[in-house]
Amino acid sequence: MKKIKKIKIKVNGKVKSITENTNLLKLMKILKIPLKKVAIELNQEILDKKKMNKIVLKKNDKIEIVHFIGGG
């Protein structure tokens, strides 16, 4: 039986433990974050949402999720 390895990442300053080889798209689904209303930054770089399923998270990655708020 293969042991599931966990890694620690930071999401908006909070440490989260996730399964190794989790991609960014899967993390957003786990966190229930609607992709249409956010901008995502990985290690201080704004990401292209089309590439989220190809970005595999690594130990100590820092993710910032910024919500857009409409108004006028």
C-alpha atoms as a PDB file:
ATOM      1  CA  MET A   1       0.000   0.000   0.000  1.00  0.00           C
ATOM      2  CA  LYS A   2       1.322   3.394  -0.996  1.00  0.00           C
ATOM      3  CA  LYS A   3       1.483   6.015   1.737  1.00  0.00           C
ATOM      4  CA  ILE A   4      -0.157   9.312   0.851  1.00  0.00           C
ATOM      5  CA  LYS A   5       2.386  12.049   1.305  1.00  0.00           C
ATOM      6  CA  LYS A   6       1.291  15.470   2.522  1.00  0.00           C
ATOM      7  CA  ILE A   7       2.980  18.802   1.903  1.00  0.00           C
ATOM      8  CA  LYS A   8       2.456  22.182   3.542  1.00  0.00           C
ATOM      9  CA  ILE A   9       1.604  25.274   1.529  1.00  0.00           C
ATOM     10  CA  LYS A  10       0.363  28.733   2.499  1.00  0.00           C
ATOM     11  CA  VAL A  11      -2.963  30.051   1.283  1.00  0.00           C
ATOM     12  CA  ASN A  12      -3.605  33.719   2.107  1.00  0.00           C
ATOM     13  CA  GLY A  13      -1.120  33.472   4.970  1.00  0.00           C
ATOM     14  CA  LYS A  14      -2.591  30.304   6.519  1.00  0.00           C
ATOM     15  CA  VAL A  15      -0.682  27.016   6.447  1.00  0.00           C
ATOM     16  CA  LYS A  16      -2.598  24.209   4.738  1.00  0.00           C
ATOM     17  CA  SER A  17      -1.661  20.567   4.468  1.00  0.00           C
ATOM     18  CA  ILE A  18      -2.501  19.042   1.082  1.00  0.00           C
ATOM     19  CA  THR A  19      -1.785  15.779  -0.710  1.00  0.00           C
ATOM     20  CA  GLU A  20       1.417  15.776  -2.742  1.00  0.00           C
ATOM     21  CA  ASN A  21       0.869  16.201  -6.514  1.00  0.00           C
ATOM     22  CA  THR A  22      -2.280  18.312  -6.023  1.00  0.00           C
ATOM     23  CA  ASN A  23      -2.700  20.772  -8.869  1.00  0.00           C
ATOM     24  CA  LEU A  24      -3.961  24.304  -8.395  1.00  0.00           C
ATOM     25  CA  LEU A  25      -7.327  23.612 -10.022  1.00  0.00           C
ATOM     26  CA  LYS A  26      -7.987  20.757  -7.579  1.00  0.00           C
ATOM     27  CA  LEU A  27      -7.023  22.994  -4.645  1.00  0.00           C
ATOM     28  CA  MET A  28      -9.532  25.644  -5.769  1.00  0.00           C
ATOM     29  CA  LYS A  29     -12.250  22.970  -5.885  1.00  0.00           C
ATOM     30  CA  ILE A  30     -11.287  21.725  -2.395  1.00  0.00           C
ATOM     31  CA  LEU A  31     -11.452  25.313  -1.069  1.00  0.00           C
ATOM     32  CA  LYS A  32     -14.741  25.917  -2.969  1.00  0.00           C
ATOM     33  CA  ILE A  33     -13.424  29.091  -4.581  1.00  0.00           C
ATOM     34  CA  PRO A  34     -15.342  30.374  -7.625  1.00  0.00           C
ATOM     35  CA  LEU A  35     -12.694  30.977 -10.284  1.00  0.00           C
ATOM     36  CA  LYS A  36     -14.650  33.683 -12.104  1.00  0.00           C
ATOM     37  CA  LYS A  37     -14.422  36.072  -9.151  1.00  0.00           C
ATOM     38  CA  VAL A  38     -10.781  35.743  -8.105  1.00  0.00           C
ATOM     39  CA  ALA A  39      -7.208  36.469  -9.140  1.00  0.00           C
ATOM     40  CA  ILE A  40      -4.631  33.895  -8.064  1.00  0.00           C
ATOM     41  CA  GLU A  41      -1.009  34.559  -7.270  1.00  0.00           C
ATOM     42  CA  LEU A  42       1.539  31.762  -6.787  1.00  0.00           C
ATOM     43  CA  ASN A  43       4.842  32.773  -5.200  1.00  0.00           C
ATOM     44  CA  GLN A  44       4.196  36.441  -6.080  1.00  0.00           C
ATOM     45  CA  GLU A  45       3.333  35.714  -9.722  1.00  0.00           C
ATOM     46  CA  ILE A  46      -0.170  36.196 -11.131  1.00  0.00           C
ATOM     47  CA  LEU A  47      -1.362  33.021 -12.823  1.00  0.00           C
ATOM     48  CA  ASP A  48      -3.156  32.318 -16.065  1.00  0.00           C
ATOM     49  CA  LYS A  49      -6.265  30.401 -14.984  1.00  0.00           C
ATOM     50  CA  LYS A  50      -6.142  28.320 -18.194  1.00  0.00           C
ATOM     51  CA  LYS A  51      -2.936  26.694 -16.910  1.00  0.00           C
ATOM     52  CA  MET A  52      -4.174  25.864 -13.400  1.00  0.00           C
ATOM     53  CA  ASN A  53      -4.641  22.159 -14.091  1.00  0.00           C
ATOM     54  CA  LYS A  54      -0.966  21.945 -15.184  1.00  0.00           C
ATOM     55  CA  ILE A  55       0.454  23.691 -12.101  1.00  0.00           C
ATOM     56  CA  VAL A  56       1.327  21.096  -9.476  1.00  0.00           C
ATOM     57  CA  LEU A  57       1.808  22.587  -6.030  1.00  0.00           C
ATOM     58  CA  LYS A  58       5.113  22.114  -4.240  1.00  0.00           C
ATOM     59  CA  LYS A  59       6.122  22.245  -0.593  1.00  0.00           C
ATOM     60  CA  ASN A  60       6.173  25.801   0.814  1.00  0.00           C
ATOM     61  CA  ASP A  61       4.363  27.349  -2.166  1.00  0.00           C
ATOM     62  CA  LYS A  62       2.631  30.607  -1.236  1.00  0.00           C
ATOM     63  CA  ILE A  63      -0.768  31.222  -2.786  1.00  0.00           C
ATOM     64  CA  GLU A  64      -2.703  34.464  -2.527  1.00  0.00           C
ATOM     65  CA  ILE A  65      -6.325  34.481  -3.641  1.00  0.00           C
ATOM     66  CA  VAL A  66      -7.831  37.917  -4.218  1.00  0.00           C
ATOM     67  CA  HIS A  67     -11.609  38.258  -4.557  1.00  0.00           C
ATOM     68  CA  PHE A  68     -13.060  40.842  -6.910  1.00  0.00           C
ATOM     69  CA  ILE A  69     -15.821  42.951  -5.416  1.00  0.00           C
ATOM     70  CA  GLY A  70     -18.224  44.694  -7.745  1.00  0.00           C
ATOM     71  CA  GLY A  71     -19.589  48.093  -7.037  1.00  0.00           C
ATOM     72  CA  GLY A  72     -19.770  51.558  -8.288  1.00  0.00           C
END
